[in-house]
């Protein structure tokens, strides 16, 4: 269980770094679109499971641009990977605690 929580911390930290890069415009070549779409897929799945009331529309816009840059095959694969990552965390951690952690770590993306 501790290993799973450590993995969440690492993934969340990487996601925050990815979101921080939104402050500066970047082309698809110098932006990790696959990683961004994984994070988007994870938080979208969390939004459904956790019942978040708000999801940042700027993140949706960036996800669309990344999806277009990667193409539908790779874009969909990255989003599914992120959604599966959330499901894996939910299998080993209490849903309410996981949802709170995500709100705390991604307040610029989701709101309870």
PDB file of N, CA and C in Angstrom:
ATOM      1  N   UNK A   1       0.821  -1.185   0.000  1.00  0.00           N
ATOM      2  CA  UNK A   1       0.000   0.000   0.000  1.00  0.00           C
ATOM      3  C   UNK A   1       0.868   1.253   0.000  1.00  0.00           C
ATOM      4  N   UNK A   2       1.930   1.285   0.791  1.00  0.00           N
ATOM      5  CA  UNK A   2       2.805   2.449   0.834  1.00  0.00           C
ATOM      6  C   UNK A   2       3.432   2.704  -0.533  1.00  0.00           C
ATOM      7  N   UNK A   3       3.776   1.627  -1.236  1.00  0.00           N
ATOM      8  CA  UNK A   3       4.364   1.789  -2.567  1.00  0.00           C
ATOM      9  C   UNK A   3       3.361   2.462  -3.503  1.00  0.00           C
ATOM     10  N   UNK A   4       2.097   2.078  -3.421  1.00  0.00           N
ATOM     11  CA  UNK A   4       1.062   2.674  -4.248  1.00  0.00           C
ATOM     12  C   UNK A   4       0.882   4.160  -3.959  1.00  0.00           C
ATOM     13  N   UNK A   5       0.938   4.520  -2.685  1.00  0.00           N
ATOM     14  CA  UNK A   5       0.809   5.931  -2.321  1.00  0.00           C
ATOM     15  C   UNK A   5       2.011   6.729  -2.797  1.00  0.00           C
ATOM     16  N   UNK A   6       3.207   6.129  -2.725  1.00  0.00           N
ATOM     17  CA  UNK A   6       4.407   6.797  -3.228  1.00  0.00           C
ATOM     18  C   UNK A   6       4.277   7.029  -4.727  1.00  0.00           C
ATOM     19  N   UNK A   7       3.753   6.034  -5.421  1.00  0.00           N
ATOM     20  CA  UNK A   7       3.575   6.164  -6.870  1.00  0.00           C
ATOM     21  C   UNK A   7       2.601   7.289  -7.185  1.00  0.00           C
ATOM     22  N   UNK A   8       1.541   7.410  -6.390  1.00  0.00           N
ATOM     23  CA  UNK A   8       0.590   8.500  -6.590  1.00  0.00           C
ATOM     24  C   UNK A   8       1.300   9.829  -6.411  1.00  0.00           C
ATOM     25  N   UNK A   9       2.094   9.934  -5.363  1.00  0.00           N
ATOM     26  CA  UNK A   9       2.818  11.174  -5.114  1.00  0.00           C
ATOM     27  C   UNK A   9       3.727  11.540  -6.272  1.00  0.00           C
ATOM     28  N   UNK A  10       4.432  10.575  -6.811  1.00  0.00           N
ATOM     29  CA  UNK A  10       5.333  10.826  -7.926  1.00  0.00           C
ATOM     30  C   UNK A  10       4.549  11.242  -9.162  1.00  0.00           C
ATOM     31  N   UNK A  11       3.490  10.521  -9.472  1.00  0.00           N
ATOM     32  CA  UNK A  11       2.689  10.837 -10.657  1.00  0.00           C
ATOM     33  C   UNK A  11       2.023  12.203 -10.508  1.00  0.00           C
ATOM     34  N   UNK A  12       1.526  12.489  -9.303  1.00  0.00           N
ATOM     35  CA  UNK A  12       0.877  13.773  -9.075  1.00  0.00           C
ATOM     36  C   UNK A  12       1.893  14.903  -9.233  1.00  0.00           C
ATOM     37  N   UNK A  13       3.088  14.725  -8.690  1.00  0.00           N
ATOM     38  CA  UNK A  13       4.135  15.739  -8.830  1.00  0.00           C
ATOM     39  C   UNK A  13       4.446  15.987 -10.303  1.00  0.00           C
ATOM     40  N   UNK A  14       4.568  14.922 -11.074  1.00  0.00           N
ATOM     41  CA  UNK A  14       4.835  15.085 -12.502  1.00  0.00           C
ATOM     42  C   UNK A  14       3.679  15.792 -13.194  1.00  0.00           C
ATOM     43  N   UNK A  15       2.479  15.492 -12.774  1.00  0.00           N
ATOM     44  CA  UNK A  15       1.319  16.162 -13.353  1.00  0.00           C
ATOM     45  C   UNK A  15       1.309  17.648 -13.043  1.00  0.00           C
ATOM     46  N   UNK A  16       1.688  17.996 -11.819  1.00  0.00           N
ATOM     47  CA  UNK A  16       1.750  19.411 -11.453  1.00  0.00           C
ATOM     48  C   UNK A  16       2.801  20.124 -12.287  1.00  0.00           C
ATOM     49  N   UNK A  17       3.945  19.477 -12.484  1.00  0.00           N
ATOM     50  CA  UNK A  17       4.971  20.080 -13.336  1.00  0.00           C
ATOM     51  C   UNK A  17       4.449  20.276 -14.752  1.00  0.00           C
ATOM     52  N   UNK A  18       3.701  19.306 -15.232  1.00  0.00           N
ATOM     53  CA  UNK A  18       3.126  19.415 -16.564  1.00  0.00           C
ATOM     54  C   UNK A  18       2.159  20.587 -16.627  1.00  0.00           C
ATOM     55  N   UNK A  19       1.316  20.715 -15.608  1.00  0.00           N
ATOM     56  CA  UNK A  19       0.363  21.823 -15.589  1.00  0.00           C
ATOM     57  C   UNK A  19       1.070  23.159 -15.485  1.00  0.00           C
ATOM     58  N   UNK A  20       2.155  23.199 -14.754  1.00  0.00           N
ATOM     59  CA  UNK A  20       2.902  24.448 -14.622  1.00  0.00           C
ATOM     60  C   UNK A  20       3.405  24.922 -15.977  1.00  0.00           C
ATOM     61  N   UNK A  21       3.673  23.996 -16.848  1.00  0.00           N
ATOM     62  CA  UNK A  21       4.171  24.374 -18.169  1.00  0.00           C
ATOM     63  C   UNK A  21       3.088  25.032 -19.019  1.00  0.00           C
ATOM     64  N   UNK A  22       1.835  24.976 -18.586  1.00  0.00           N
ATOM     65  CA  UNK A  22       0.757  25.636 -19.327  1.00  0.00           C
ATOM     66  C   UNK A  22       0.922  27.153 -19.315  1.00  0.00           C
ATOM     67  N   UNK A  23       1.645  27.660 -18.337  1.00  0.00           N
ATOM     68  CA  UNK A  23       1.826  29.098 -18.235  1.00  0.00           C
ATOM     69  C   UNK A  23       2.632  29.645 -19.406  1.00  0.00           C
ATOM     70  N   UNK A  24       3.426  28.800 -20.047  1.00  0.00           N
ATOM     71  CA  UNK A  24       4.235  29.230 -21.175  1.00  0.00           C
ATOM     72  C   UNK A  24       3.768  28.489 -22.419  1.00  0.00           C
ATOM     73  N   UNK A  25       3.514  29.210 -23.498  1.00  0.00           N
ATOM     74  CA  UNK A  25       3.102  28.520 -24.724  1.00  0.00           C
ATOM     75  C   UNK A  25       4.194  27.569 -25.188  1.00  0.00           C
ATOM     76  N   UNK A  26       3.778  26.443 -25.668  1.00  0.00           N
ATOM     77  CA  UNK A  26       4.738  25.458 -26.161  1.00  0.00           C
ATOM     78  C   UNK A  26       4.155  24.764 -27.372  1.00  0.00           C
ATOM     79  N   UNK A  27       5.000  24.429 -28.286  1.00  0.00           N
ATOM     80  CA  UNK A  27       4.545  23.664 -29.438  1.00  0.00           C
ATOM     81  C   UNK A  27       4.488  22.204 -29.044  1.00  0.00           C
ATOM     82  N   UNK A  28       3.872  21.401 -29.867  1.00  0.00           N
ATOM     83  CA  UNK A  28       3.754  19.974 -29.568  1.00  0.00           C
ATOM     84  C   UNK A  28       5.119  19.326 -29.449  1.00  0.00           C
ATOM     85  N   UNK A  29       6.112  19.863 -30.167  1.00  0.00           N
ATOM     86  CA  UNK A  29       7.447  19.258 -30.139  1.00  0.00           C
ATOM     87  C   UNK A  29       8.134  19.419 -28.795  1.00  0.00           C
ATOM     88  N   UNK A  30       7.877  20.537 -28.094  1.00  0.00           N
ATOM     89  CA  UNK A  30       8.561  20.738 -26.821  1.00  0.00           C
ATOM     90  C   UNK A  30       7.614  20.628 -25.629  1.00  0.00           C
ATOM     91  N   UNK A  31       6.520  19.927 -25.808  1.00  0.00           N
ATOM     92  CA  UNK A  31       5.545  19.704 -24.746  1.00  0.00           C
ATOM     93  C   UNK A  31       5.217  18.220 -24.704  1.00  0.00           C
ATOM     94  N   UNK A  32       5.145  17.658 -23.515  1.00  0.00           N
ATOM     95  CA  UNK A  32       4.857  16.236 -23.349  1.00  0.00           C
ATOM     96  C   UNK A  32       3.355  15.991 -23.479  1.00  0.00           C
ATOM     97  N   UNK A  33       2.878  15.948 -24.716  1.00  0.00           N
ATOM     98  CA  UNK A  33       1.445  15.756 -24.948  1.00  0.00           C
ATOM     99  C   UNK A  33       0.958  14.401 -24.442  1.00  0.00           C
ATOM    100  N   UNK A  34       1.742  13.363 -24.597  1.00  0.00           N
ATOM    101  CA  UNK A  34       1.310  12.039 -24.119  1.00  0.00           C
ATOM    102  C   UNK A  34       1.136  12.061 -22.604  1.00  0.00           C
ATOM    103  N   UNK A  35       2.071  12.651 -21.902  1.00  0.00           N
ATOM    104  CA  UNK A  35       1.969  12.752 -20.444  1.00  0.00           C
ATOM    105  C   UNK A  35       0.792  13.615 -20.031  1.00  0.00           C
ATOM    106  N   UNK A  36       0.575  14.706 -20.752  1.00  0.00           N
ATOM    107  CA  UNK A  36      -0.546  15.585 -20.448  1.00  0.00           C
ATOM    108  C   UNK A  36      -1.866  14.851 -20.656  1.00  0.00           C
ATOM    109  N   UNK A  37      -1.976  14.099 -21.740  1.00  0.00           N
ATOM    110  CA  UNK A  37      -3.215  13.356 -21.985  1.00  0.00           C
ATOM    111  C   UNK A  37      -3.427  12.246 -20.970  1.00  0.00           C
ATOM    112  N   UNK A  38      -2.353  11.632 -20.482  1.00  0.00           N
ATOM    113  CA  UNK A  38      -2.497  10.636 -19.406  1.00  0.00           C
ATOM    114  C   UNK A  38      -3.069  11.307 -18.159  1.00  0.00           C
ATOM    115  N   UNK A  39      -2.509  12.472 -17.801  1.00  0.00           N
ATOM    116  CA  UNK A  39      -3.007  13.202 -16.642  1.00  0.00           C
ATOM    117  C   UNK A  39      -4.470  13.602 -16.852  1.00  0.00           C
ATOM    118  N   UNK A  40      -4.796  14.078 -18.044  1.00  0.00           N
ATOM    119  CA  UNK A  40      -6.166  14.468 -18.371  1.00  0.00           C
ATOM    120  C   UNK A  40      -7.108  13.261 -18.257  1.00  0.00           C
ATOM    121  N   UNK A  41      -6.696  12.127 -18.796  1.00  0.00           N
ATOM    122  CA  UNK A  41      -7.517  10.922 -18.697  1.00  0.00           C
ATOM    123  C   UNK A  41      -7.732  10.492 -17.261  1.00  0.00           C
ATOM    124  N   UNK A  42      -6.678  10.593 -16.444  1.00  0.00           N
ATOM    125  CA  UNK A  42      -6.785  10.231 -15.034  1.00  0.00           C
ATOM    126  C   UNK A  42      -7.744  11.168 -14.311  1.00  0.00           C
ATOM    127  N   UNK A  43      -7.613  12.474 -14.547  1.00  0.00           N
ATOM    128  CA  UNK A  43      -8.471  13.430 -13.850  1.00  0.00           C
ATOM    129  C   UNK A  43      -9.900  13.417 -14.384  1.00  0.00           C
ATOM    130  N   UNK A  44     -10.087  13.114 -15.648  1.00  0.00           N
ATOM    131  CA  UNK A  44     -11.445  12.978 -16.185  1.00  0.00           C
ATOM    132  C   UNK A  44     -12.142  11.776 -15.557  1.00  0.00           C
ATOM    133  N   UNK A  45     -11.422  10.670 -15.448  1.00  0.00           N
ATOM    134  CA  UNK A  45     -12.014   9.487 -14.793  1.00  0.00           C
ATOM    135  C   UNK A  45     -12.302   9.804 -13.333  1.00  0.00           C
ATOM    136  N   UNK A  46     -11.386  10.506 -12.692  1.00  0.00           N
ATOM    137  CA  UNK A  46     -11.598  10.903 -11.301  1.00  0.00           C
ATOM    138  C   UNK A  46     -12.810  11.817 -11.180  1.00  0.00           C
ATOM    139  N   UNK A  47     -12.997  12.703 -12.158  1.00  0.00           N
ATOM    140  CA  UNK A  47     -14.144  13.616 -12.124  1.00  0.00           C
ATOM    141  C   UNK A  47     -15.458  12.852 -12.084  1.00  0.00           C
ATOM    142  N   UNK A  48     -15.539  11.790 -12.869  1.00  0.00           N
ATOM    143  CA  UNK A  48     -16.758  10.979 -12.874  1.00  0.00           C
ATOM    144  C   UNK A  48     -16.913  10.228 -11.551  1.00  0.00           C
ATOM    145  N   UNK A  49     -15.835   9.604 -11.091  1.00  0.00           N
ATOM    146  CA  UNK A  49     -15.894   8.791  -9.875  1.00  0.00           C
ATOM    147  C   UNK A  49     -16.061   9.643  -8.620  1.00  0.00           C
ATOM    148  N   UNK A  50     -15.456  10.815  -8.613  1.00  0.00           N
ATOM    149  CA  UNK A  50     -15.455  11.667  -7.422  1.00  0.00           C
ATOM    150  C   UNK A  50     -16.576  12.699  -7.434  1.00  0.00           C
ATOM    151  N   UNK A  51     -17.202  12.896  -8.568  1.00  0.00           N
ATOM    152  CA  UNK A  51     -18.279  13.870  -8.670  1.00  0.00           C
ATOM    153  C   UNK A  51     -17.790  15.305  -8.549  1.00  0.00           C
ATOM    154  N   UNK A  52     -16.620  15.597  -9.109  1.00  0.00           N
ATOM    155  CA  UNK A  52     -16.104  16.964  -9.072  1.00  0.00           C
ATOM    156  C   UNK A  52     -17.098  17.890  -9.768  1.00  0.00           C
ATOM    157  N   UNK A  53     -17.228  19.104  -9.238  1.00  0.00           N
ATOM    158  CA  UNK A  53     -18.204  20.043  -9.785  1.00  0.00           C
ATOM    159  C   UNK A  53     -17.651  20.878 -10.928  1.00  0.00           C
ATOM    160  N   UNK A  54     -16.322  20.971 -11.027  1.00  0.00           N
ATOM    161  CA  UNK A  54     -15.735  21.837 -12.044  1.00  0.00           C
ATOM    162  C   UNK A  54     -14.454  21.226 -12.576  1.00  0.00           C
ATOM    163  N   UNK A  55     -14.249  21.373 -13.867  1.00  0.00           N
ATOM    164  CA  UNK A  55     -13.031  20.920 -14.535  1.00  0.00           C
ATOM    165  C   UNK A  55     -12.556  22.077 -15.399  1.00  0.00           C
ATOM    166  N   UNK A  56     -11.316  22.485 -15.243  1.00  0.00           N
ATOM    167  CA  UNK A  56     -10.767  23.656 -15.917  1.00  0.00           C
ATOM    168  C   UNK A  56     -10.892  23.529 -17.444  1.00  0.00           C
ATOM    169  N   UNK A  57     -11.604  24.462 -18.090  1.00  0.00           N
ATOM    170  CA  UNK A  57     -11.767  24.377 -19.544  1.00  0.00           C
ATOM    171  C   UNK A  57     -10.455  24.586 -20.311  1.00  0.00           C
ATOM    172  N   UNK A  58      -9.490  25.284 -19.717  1.00  0.00           N
ATOM    173  CA  UNK A  58      -8.190  25.452 -20.365  1.00  0.00           C
ATOM    174  C   UNK A  58      -7.456  24.135 -20.513  1.00  0.00           C
ATOM    175  N   UNK A  59      -7.652  23.246 -19.548  1.00  0.00           N
ATOM    176  CA  UNK A  59      -7.044  21.916 -19.608  1.00  0.00           C
ATOM    177  C   UNK A  59      -7.681  21.124 -20.746  1.00  0.00           C
ATOM    178  N   UNK A  60      -8.985  21.264 -20.893  1.00  0.00           N
ATOM    179  CA  UNK A  60      -9.695  20.578 -21.978  1.00  0.00           C
ATOM    180  C   UNK A  60      -9.187  21.074 -23.331  1.00  0.00           C
ATOM    181  N   UNK A  61      -9.010  22.384 -23.448  1.00  0.00           N
ATOM    182  CA  UNK A  61      -8.510  22.945 -24.708  1.00  0.00           C
ATOM    183  C   UNK A  61      -7.113  22.419 -25.025  1.00  0.00           C
ATOM    184  N   UNK A  62      -6.247  22.379 -24.014  1.00  0.00           N
ATOM    185  CA  UNK A  62      -4.877  21.880 -24.234  1.00  0.00           C
ATOM    186  C   UNK A  62      -4.916  20.391 -24.589  1.00  0.00           C
ATOM    187  N   UNK A  63      -5.805  19.643 -23.942  1.00  0.00           N
ATOM    188  CA  UNK A  63      -5.932  18.215 -24.238  1.00  0.00           C
ATOM    189  C   UNK A  63      -6.375  18.004 -25.691  1.00  0.00           C
ATOM    190  N   UNK A  64      -7.288  18.837 -26.172  1.00  0.00           N
ATOM    191  CA  UNK A  64      -7.720  18.728 -27.573  1.00  0.00           C
ATOM    192  C   UNK A  64      -6.554  18.981 -28.528  1.00  0.00           C
ATOM    193  N   UNK A  65      -5.773  20.015 -28.222  1.00  0.00           N
ATOM    194  CA  UNK A  65      -4.619  20.332 -29.071  1.00  0.00           C
ATOM    195  C   UNK A  65      -3.613  19.183 -29.040  1.00  0.00           C
ATOM    196  N   UNK A  66      -3.385  18.621 -27.875  1.00  0.00           N
ATOM    197  CA  UNK A  66      -2.452  17.496 -27.770  1.00  0.00           C
ATOM    198  C   UNK A  66      -2.995  16.270 -28.500  1.00  0.00           C
ATOM    199  N   UNK A  67      -4.295  16.026 -28.370  1.00  0.00           N
ATOM    200  CA  UNK A  67      -4.911  14.890 -29.054  1.00  0.00           C
ATOM    201  C   UNK A  67      -4.707  15.022 -30.559  1.00  0.00           C
ATOM    202  N   UNK A  68      -4.923  16.227 -31.076  1.00  0.00           N
ATOM    203  CA  UNK A  68      -4.717  16.473 -32.506  1.00  0.00           C
ATOM    204  C   UNK A  68      -3.258  16.294 -32.892  1.00  0.00           C
ATOM    205  N   UNK A  69      -2.348  16.748 -32.029  1.00  0.00           N
ATOM    206  CA  UNK A  69      -0.912  16.650 -32.324  1.00  0.00           C
ATOM    207  C   UNK A  69      -0.444  15.193 -32.338  1.00  0.00           C
ATOM    208  N   UNK A  70      -0.977  14.384 -31.431  1.00  0.00           N
ATOM    209  CA  UNK A  70      -0.563  12.978 -31.355  1.00  0.00           C
ATOM    210  C   UNK A  70      -1.299  12.095 -32.349  1.00  0.00           C
ATOM    211  N   UNK A  71      -2.495  12.489 -32.728  1.00  0.00           N
ATOM    212  CA  UNK A  71      -3.331  11.644 -33.575  1.00  0.00           C
ATOM    213  C   UNK A  71      -4.264  10.825 -32.707  1.00  0.00           C
ATOM    214  N   UNK A  72      -5.350  10.383 -33.298  1.00  0.00           N
ATOM    215  CA  UNK A  72      -6.391   9.711 -32.512  1.00  0.00           C
ATOM    216  C   UNK A  72      -5.927   8.411 -31.876  1.00  0.00           C
ATOM    217  N   UNK A  73      -5.105   7.645 -32.547  1.00  0.00           N
ATOM    218  CA  UNK A  73      -4.662   6.368 -31.987  1.00  0.00           C
ATOM    219  C   UNK A  73      -3.826   6.580 -30.731  1.00  0.00           C
ATOM    220  N   UNK A  74      -2.780   7.378 -30.823  1.00  0.00           N
ATOM    221  CA  UNK A  74      -1.897   7.603 -29.673  1.00  0.00           C
ATOM    222  C   UNK A  74      -2.562   8.470 -28.612  1.00  0.00           C
ATOM    223  N   UNK A  75      -3.371   9.428 -29.035  1.00  0.00           N
ATOM    224  CA  UNK A  75      -4.081  10.275 -28.079  1.00  0.00           C
ATOM    225  C   UNK A  75      -5.049   9.472 -27.226  1.00  0.00           C
ATOM    226  N   UNK A  76      -5.835   8.624 -27.875  1.00  0.00           N
ATOM    227  CA  UNK A  76      -6.794   7.791 -27.139  1.00  0.00           C
ATOM    228  C   UNK A  76      -6.072   6.812 -26.228  1.00  0.00           C
ATOM    229  N   UNK A  77      -4.966   6.277 -26.680  1.00  0.00           N
ATOM    230  CA  UNK A  77      -4.173   5.350 -25.861  1.00  0.00           C
ATOM    231  C   UNK A  77      -3.672   6.046 -24.598  1.00  0.00           C
ATOM    232  N   UNK A  78      -3.192   7.274 -24.724  1.00  0.00           N
ATOM    233  CA  UNK A  78      -2.691   8.019 -23.564  1.00  0.00           C
ATOM    234  C   UNK A  78      -3.821   8.318 -22.582  1.00  0.00           C
ATOM    235  N   UNK A  79      -4.977   8.718 -23.089  1.00  0.00           N
ATOM    236  CA  UNK A  79      -6.117   9.017 -22.217  1.00  0.00           C
ATOM    237  C   UNK A  79      -6.575   7.755 -21.490  1.00  0.00           C
ATOM    238  N   UNK A  80      -6.666   6.638 -22.212  1.00  0.00           N
ATOM    239  CA  UNK A  80      -7.064   5.372 -21.575  1.00  0.00           C
ATOM    240  C   UNK A  80      -6.057   4.959 -20.511  1.00  0.00           C
ATOM    241  N   UNK A  81      -4.783   5.187 -20.777  1.00  0.00           N
ATOM    242  CA  UNK A  81      -3.741   4.846 -19.811  1.00  0.00           C
ATOM    243  C   UNK A  81      -3.922   5.630 -18.512  1.00  0.00           C
ATOM    244  N   UNK A  82      -4.221   6.913 -18.633  1.00  0.00           N
ATOM    245  CA  UNK A  82      -4.457   7.728 -17.440  1.00  0.00           C
ATOM    246  C   UNK A  82      -5.691   7.288 -16.681  1.00  0.00           C
ATOM    247  N   UNK A  83      -6.759   6.963 -17.401  1.00  0.00           N
ATOM    248  CA  UNK A  83      -7.984   6.489 -16.754  1.00  0.00           C
ATOM    249  C   UNK A  83      -7.718   5.178 -16.013  1.00  0.00           C
ATOM    250  N   UNK A  84      -6.947   4.299 -16.623  1.00  0.00           N
ATOM    251  CA  UNK A  84      -6.607   3.018 -15.983  1.00  0.00           C
ATOM    252  C   UNK A  84      -5.746   3.251 -14.746  1.00  0.00           C
ATOM    253  N   UNK A  85      -4.896   4.251 -14.805  1.00  0.00           N
ATOM    254  CA  UNK A  85      -4.069   4.579 -13.648  1.00  0.00           C
ATOM    255  C   UNK A  85      -4.946   4.986 -12.463  1.00  0.00           C
ATOM    256  N   UNK A  86      -5.958   5.798 -12.717  1.00  0.00           N
ATOM    257  CA  UNK A  86      -6.882   6.167 -11.646  1.00  0.00           C
ATOM    258  C   UNK A  86      -7.577   4.935 -11.083  1.00  0.00           C
ATOM    259  N   UNK A  87      -8.045   4.065 -11.964  1.00  0.00           N
ATOM    260  CA  UNK A  87      -8.736   2.858 -11.505  1.00  0.00           C
ATOM    261  C   UNK A  87      -7.814   1.979 -10.653  1.00  0.00           C
ATOM    262  N   UNK A  88      -6.542   1.915 -11.029  1.00  0.00           N
ATOM    263  CA  UNK A  88      -5.579   1.157 -10.229  1.00  0.00           C
ATOM    264  C   UNK A  88      -5.412   1.749  -8.840  1.00  0.00           C
ATOM    265  N   UNK A  89      -5.349   3.073  -8.759  1.00  0.00           N
ATOM    266  CA  UNK A  89      -5.234   3.722  -7.452  1.00  0.00           C
ATOM    267  C   UNK A  89      -6.496   3.512  -6.630  1.00  0.00           C
ATOM    268  N   UNK A  90      -7.632   3.582  -7.285  1.00  0.00           N
ATOM    269  CA  UNK A  90      -8.909   3.413  -6.583  1.00  0.00           C
ATOM    270  C   UNK A  90      -9.049   2.008  -6.021  1.00  0.00           C
ATOM    271  N   UNK A  91      -8.417   1.042  -6.675  1.00  0.00           N
ATOM    272  CA  UNK A  91      -8.491  -0.349  -6.200  1.00  0.00           C
ATOM    273  C   UNK A  91      -7.718  -0.556  -4.902  1.00  0.00           C
ATOM    274  N   UNK A  92      -6.725   0.303  -4.641  1.00  0.00           N
ATOM    275  CA  UNK A  92      -5.897   0.102  -3.441  1.00  0.00           C
ATOM    276  C   UNK A  92      -6.069   1.206  -2.405  1.00  0.00           C
ATOM    277  N   UNK A  93      -6.896   2.183  -2.701  1.00  0.00           N
ATOM    278  CA  UNK A  93      -7.048   3.300  -1.774  1.00  0.00           C
ATOM    279  C   UNK A  93      -8.511   3.690  -1.671  1.00  0.00           C
ATOM    280  N   UNK A  94      -8.908   4.134  -0.514  1.00  0.00           N
ATOM    281  CA  UNK A  94     -10.260   4.606  -0.279  1.00  0.00           C
ATOM    282  C   UNK A  94     -10.608   5.708  -1.274  1.00  0.00           C
ATOM    283  N   UNK A  95     -11.757   5.590  -1.915  1.00  0.00           N
ATOM    284  CA  UNK A  95     -12.158   6.547  -2.950  1.00  0.00           C
ATOM    285  C   UNK A  95     -12.208   7.975  -2.425  1.00  0.00           C
ATOM    286  N   UNK A  96     -12.795   8.180  -1.265  1.00  0.00           N
ATOM    287  CA  UNK A  96     -12.912   9.535  -0.729  1.00  0.00           C
ATOM    288  C   UNK A  96     -11.539  10.151  -0.462  1.00  0.00           C
ATOM    289  N   UNK A  97     -10.628   9.371   0.096  1.00  0.00           N
ATOM    290  CA  UNK A  97      -9.281   9.875   0.364  1.00  0.00           C
ATOM    291  C   UNK A  97      -8.547  10.178  -0.941  1.00  0.00           C
ATOM    292  N   UNK A  98      -8.710   9.311  -1.927  1.00  0.00           N
ATOM    293  CA  UNK A  98      -8.070   9.527  -3.223  1.00  0.00           C
ATOM    294  C   UNK A  98      -8.622  10.790  -3.889  1.00  0.00           C
ATOM    295  N   UNK A  99      -9.919  10.961  -3.858  1.00  0.00           N
ATOM    296  CA  UNK A  99     -10.539  12.146  -4.464  1.00  0.00           C
ATOM    297  C   UNK A  99     -10.052  13.418  -3.780  1.00  0.00           C
ATOM    298  N   UNK A 100      -9.961  13.396  -2.457  1.00  0.00           N
ATOM    299  CA  UNK A 100      -9.463  14.563  -1.730  1.00  0.00           C
ATOM    300  C   UNK A 100      -8.016  14.854  -2.110  1.00  0.00           C
ATOM    301  N   UNK A 101      -7.203  13.817  -2.226  1.00  0.00           N
ATOM    302  CA  UNK A 101      -5.803  14.002  -2.617  1.00  0.00           C
ATOM    303  C   UNK A 101      -5.709  14.669  -3.988  1.00  0.00           C
ATOM    304  N   UNK A 102      -6.532  14.230  -4.911  1.00  0.00           N
ATOM    305  CA  UNK A 102      -6.498  14.808  -6.258  1.00  0.00           C
ATOM    306  C   UNK A 102      -6.941  16.268  -6.264  1.00  0.00           C
ATOM    307  N   UNK A 103      -7.965  16.602  -5.473  1.00  0.00           N
ATOM    308  CA  UNK A 103      -8.392  17.998  -5.367  1.00  0.00           C
ATOM    309  C   UNK A 103      -7.276  18.835  -4.757  1.00  0.00           C
ATOM    310  N   UNK A 104      -6.612  18.295  -3.748  1.00  0.00           N
ATOM    311  CA  UNK A 104      -5.522  19.021  -3.091  1.00  0.00           C
ATOM    312  C   UNK A 104      -4.334  19.210  -4.034  1.00  0.00           C
ATOM    313  N   UNK A 105      -4.044  18.223  -4.845  1.00  0.00           N
ATOM    314  CA  UNK A 105      -2.869  18.281  -5.741  1.00  0.00           C
ATOM    315  C   UNK A 105      -3.148  18.982  -7.065  1.00  0.00           C
ATOM    316  N   UNK A 106      -4.404  19.004  -7.482  1.00  0.00           N
ATOM    317  CA  UNK A 106      -4.748  19.606  -8.772  1.00  0.00           C
ATOM    318  C   UNK A 106      -5.856  20.650  -8.632  1.00  0.00           C
ATOM    319  N   UNK A 107      -5.730  21.607  -7.716  1.00  0.00           N
ATOM    320  CA  UNK A 107      -6.804  22.580  -7.526  1.00  0.00           C
ATOM    321  C   UNK A 107      -7.019  23.466  -8.748  1.00  0.00           C
ATOM    322  N   UNK A 108      -6.023  23.551  -9.616  1.00  0.00           N
ATOM    323  CA  UNK A 108      -6.151  24.363 -10.824  1.00  0.00           C
ATOM    324  C   UNK A 108      -6.901  23.618 -11.918  1.00  0.00           C
ATOM    325  N   UNK A 109      -7.213  22.346 -11.667  1.00  0.00           N
ATOM    326  CA  UNK A 109      -7.906  21.546 -12.678  1.00  0.00           C
ATOM    327  C   UNK A 109      -9.312  21.185 -12.228  1.00  0.00           C
ATOM    328  N   UNK A 110      -9.456  20.655 -11.008  1.00  0.00           N
ATOM    329  CA  UNK A 110     -10.746  20.162 -10.531  1.00  0.00           C
ATOM    330  C   UNK A 110     -11.149  20.844  -9.221  1.00  0.00           C
ATOM    331  N   UNK A 111     -12.446  20.905  -9.016  1.00  0.00           N
ATOM    332  CA  UNK A 111     -13.014  21.434  -7.775  1.00  0.00           C
ATOM    333  C   UNK A 111     -14.050  20.438  -7.272  1.00  0.00           C
ATOM    334  N   UNK A 112     -14.107  20.274  -5.951  1.00  0.00           N
ATOM    335  CA  UNK A 112     -15.095  19.321  -5.399  1.00  0.00           C
ATOM    336  C   UNK A 112     -16.534  19.770  -5.609  1.00  0.00           C
TER     337      UNK A 112
END
